[in-house]
Amino acid sequence: MWDDQFEQILRPFLPFLPPQEELTPESDLKDLGLDSLGTVQLLGTLEDGYQVRFRDSALTMETFRTAGVLWDTVRGMLQSTAS
């Protein structure tokens, strides 16, 4: 699935996700409280945490729709920087 760092970064931006509830790849981030300001802050936090830069093509609502889609995007950036 994803590493611990990803969930540690993401959870604070999801105010409607109870601490004991599992975050799944299908978890809808907007339904869990991620708003537009949180999205911008989350973007910066992910870039700092993983030392990556989101490409313009990844700056869409779809990228931030679910935890799984967001992780796939981050993982893709990590793989491209490792190459």
C-alpha atoms as a PDB file:
ATOM      1  CA  MET A   1       0.000   0.000   0.000  1.00  0.00           C
ATOM      2  CA  TRP A   2       1.972   3.074   1.203  1.00  0.00           C
ATOM      3  CA  ASP A   3       4.669   3.844   3.719  1.00  0.00           C
ATOM      4  CA  ASP A   4       4.097   5.162   7.244  1.00  0.00           C
ATOM      5  CA  GLN A   5       5.358   8.628   6.344  1.00  0.00           C
ATOM      6  CA  PHE A   6       2.573   9.094   3.786  1.00  0.00           C
ATOM      7  CA  GLU A   7      -0.151   8.365   6.317  1.00  0.00           C
ATOM      8  CA  GLN A   8       1.547  10.516   8.975  1.00  0.00           C
ATOM      9  CA  ILE A   9       1.605  13.432   6.525  1.00  0.00           C
ATOM     10  CA  LEU A  10      -1.942  12.890   5.250  1.00  0.00           C
ATOM     11  CA  ARG A  11      -3.922  12.261   8.461  1.00  0.00           C
ATOM     12  CA  PRO A  12      -3.636  15.797   9.932  1.00  0.00           C
ATOM     13  CA  PHE A  13      -5.344  17.145   6.785  1.00  0.00           C
ATOM     14  CA  LEU A  14      -8.345  14.826   7.286  1.00  0.00           C
ATOM     15  CA  PRO A  15     -10.299  16.227  10.250  1.00  0.00           C
ATOM     16  CA  PHE A  16     -13.271  13.888   9.710  1.00  0.00           C
ATOM     17  CA  LEU A  17     -11.145  10.722   9.907  1.00  0.00           C
ATOM     18  CA  PRO A  18     -11.249   9.369  13.471  1.00  0.00           C
ATOM     19  CA  PRO A  19      -7.794   8.345  14.762  1.00  0.00           C
ATOM     20  CA  GLN A  20      -8.827   4.711  15.136  1.00  0.00           C
ATOM     21  CA  GLU A  21     -10.389   4.464  11.646  1.00  0.00           C
ATOM     22  CA  GLU A  22      -8.311   2.867   8.898  1.00  0.00           C
ATOM     23  CA  LEU A  23      -7.292   4.995   5.939  1.00  0.00           C
ATOM     24  CA  THR A  24      -7.799   2.918   2.784  1.00  0.00           C
ATOM     25  CA  PRO A  25      -6.833   3.513  -0.844  1.00  0.00           C
ATOM     26  CA  GLU A  26     -10.522   4.150  -1.582  1.00  0.00           C
ATOM     27  CA  SER A  27     -10.885   6.768   1.186  1.00  0.00           C
ATOM     28  CA  ASP A  28     -12.351   9.919  -0.374  1.00  0.00           C
ATOM     29  CA  LEU A  29     -10.187  12.773   0.883  1.00  0.00           C
ATOM     30  CA  LYS A  30     -12.821  15.468   0.372  1.00  0.00           C
ATOM     31  CA  ASP A  31     -15.364  13.454   2.369  1.00  0.00           C
ATOM     32  CA  LEU A  32     -12.760  13.179   5.144  1.00  0.00           C
ATOM     33  CA  GLY A  33     -12.402  16.962   5.295  1.00  0.00           C
ATOM     34  CA  LEU A  34      -9.631  17.843   2.849  1.00  0.00           C
ATOM     35  CA  ASP A  35     -10.516  21.310   1.551  1.00  0.00           C
ATOM     36  CA  SER A  36      -8.815  23.543  -1.026  1.00  0.00           C
ATOM     37  CA  LEU A  37      -6.500  25.243   1.474  1.00  0.00           C
ATOM     38  CA  GLY A  38      -5.623  21.864   2.984  1.00  0.00           C
ATOM     39  CA  THR A  39      -4.865  20.531  -0.485  1.00  0.00           C
ATOM     40  CA  VAL A  40      -2.327  23.292  -1.102  1.00  0.00           C
ATOM     41  CA  GLN A  41      -0.741  22.756   2.317  1.00  0.00           C
ATOM     42  CA  LEU A  42      -0.724  18.977   1.826  1.00  0.00           C
ATOM     43  CA  LEU A  43       0.964  19.422  -1.545  1.00  0.00           C
ATOM     44  CA  GLY A  44       3.797  21.402   0.031  1.00  0.00           C
ATOM     45  CA  THR A  45       4.133  18.983   2.924  1.00  0.00           C
ATOM     46  CA  LEU A  46       4.356  15.992   0.576  1.00  0.00           C
ATOM     47  CA  GLU A  47       6.931  17.755  -1.593  1.00  0.00           C
ATOM     48  CA  ASP A  48       9.064  18.576   1.451  1.00  0.00           C
ATOM     49  CA  GLY A  49       8.634  15.164   3.048  1.00  0.00           C
ATOM     50  CA  TYR A  50       9.508  13.170  -0.056  1.00  0.00           C
ATOM     51  CA  GLN A  51      11.837  15.685  -1.758  1.00  0.00           C
ATOM     52  CA  VAL A  52       9.754  15.625  -4.943  1.00  0.00           C
ATOM     53  CA  ARG A  53       7.930  18.225  -7.030  1.00  0.00           C
ATOM     54  CA  PHE A  54       4.422  17.732  -8.345  1.00  0.00           C
ATOM     55  CA  ARG A  55       4.299  18.318 -12.097  1.00  0.00           C
ATOM     56  CA  ASP A  56       1.623  20.654 -13.424  1.00  0.00           C
ATOM     57  CA  SER A  57      -0.159  17.643 -14.928  1.00  0.00           C
ATOM     58  CA  ALA A  58      -0.570  16.182 -11.410  1.00  0.00           C
ATOM     59  CA  LEU A  59      -2.116  19.347  -9.981  1.00  0.00           C
ATOM     60  CA  THR A  60      -5.704  18.248 -10.502  1.00  0.00           C
ATOM     61  CA  MET A  61      -8.646  17.482  -8.255  1.00  0.00           C
ATOM     62  CA  GLU A  62      -8.407  13.863  -9.437  1.00  0.00           C
ATOM     63  CA  THR A  63      -4.912  13.509  -7.926  1.00  0.00           C
ATOM     64  CA  PHE A  64      -6.314  14.466  -4.519  1.00  0.00           C
ATOM     65  CA  ARG A  65      -9.587  12.489  -4.831  1.00  0.00           C
ATOM     66  CA  THR A  66      -8.595   9.390  -2.870  1.00  0.00           C
ATOM     67  CA  ALA A  67      -5.682   8.309  -0.713  1.00  0.00           C
ATOM     68  CA  GLY A  68      -4.804   5.616  -3.255  1.00  0.00           C
ATOM     69  CA  VAL A  69      -4.655   7.980  -6.232  1.00  0.00           C
ATOM     70  CA  LEU A  70      -2.558  10.453  -4.255  1.00  0.00           C
ATOM     71  CA  TRP A  71      -0.138   7.731  -3.145  1.00  0.00           C
ATOM     72  CA  ASP A  72       0.169   6.417  -6.716  1.00  0.00           C
ATOM     73  CA  THR A  73       1.110   9.936  -7.813  1.00  0.00           C
ATOM     74  CA  VAL A  74       3.726  10.309  -5.064  1.00  0.00           C
ATOM     75  CA  ARG A  75       5.098   6.819  -5.718  1.00  0.00           C
ATOM     76  CA  GLY A  76       5.397   7.606  -9.439  1.00  0.00           C
ATOM     77  CA  MET A  77       7.387  10.753  -8.643  1.00  0.00           C
ATOM     78  CA  LEU A  78       9.663   8.791  -6.309  1.00  0.00           C
ATOM     79  CA  GLN A  79      10.312   6.169  -8.980  1.00  0.00           C
ATOM     80  CA  SER A  80      11.111   8.788 -11.599  1.00  0.00           C
ATOM     81  CA  THR A  81      13.620  10.509  -9.307  1.00  0.00           C
ATOM     82  CA  ALA A  82      15.271   7.157  -8.510  1.00  0.00           C
ATOM     83  CA  SER A  83      15.819   6.415 -12.201  1.00  0.00           C
END
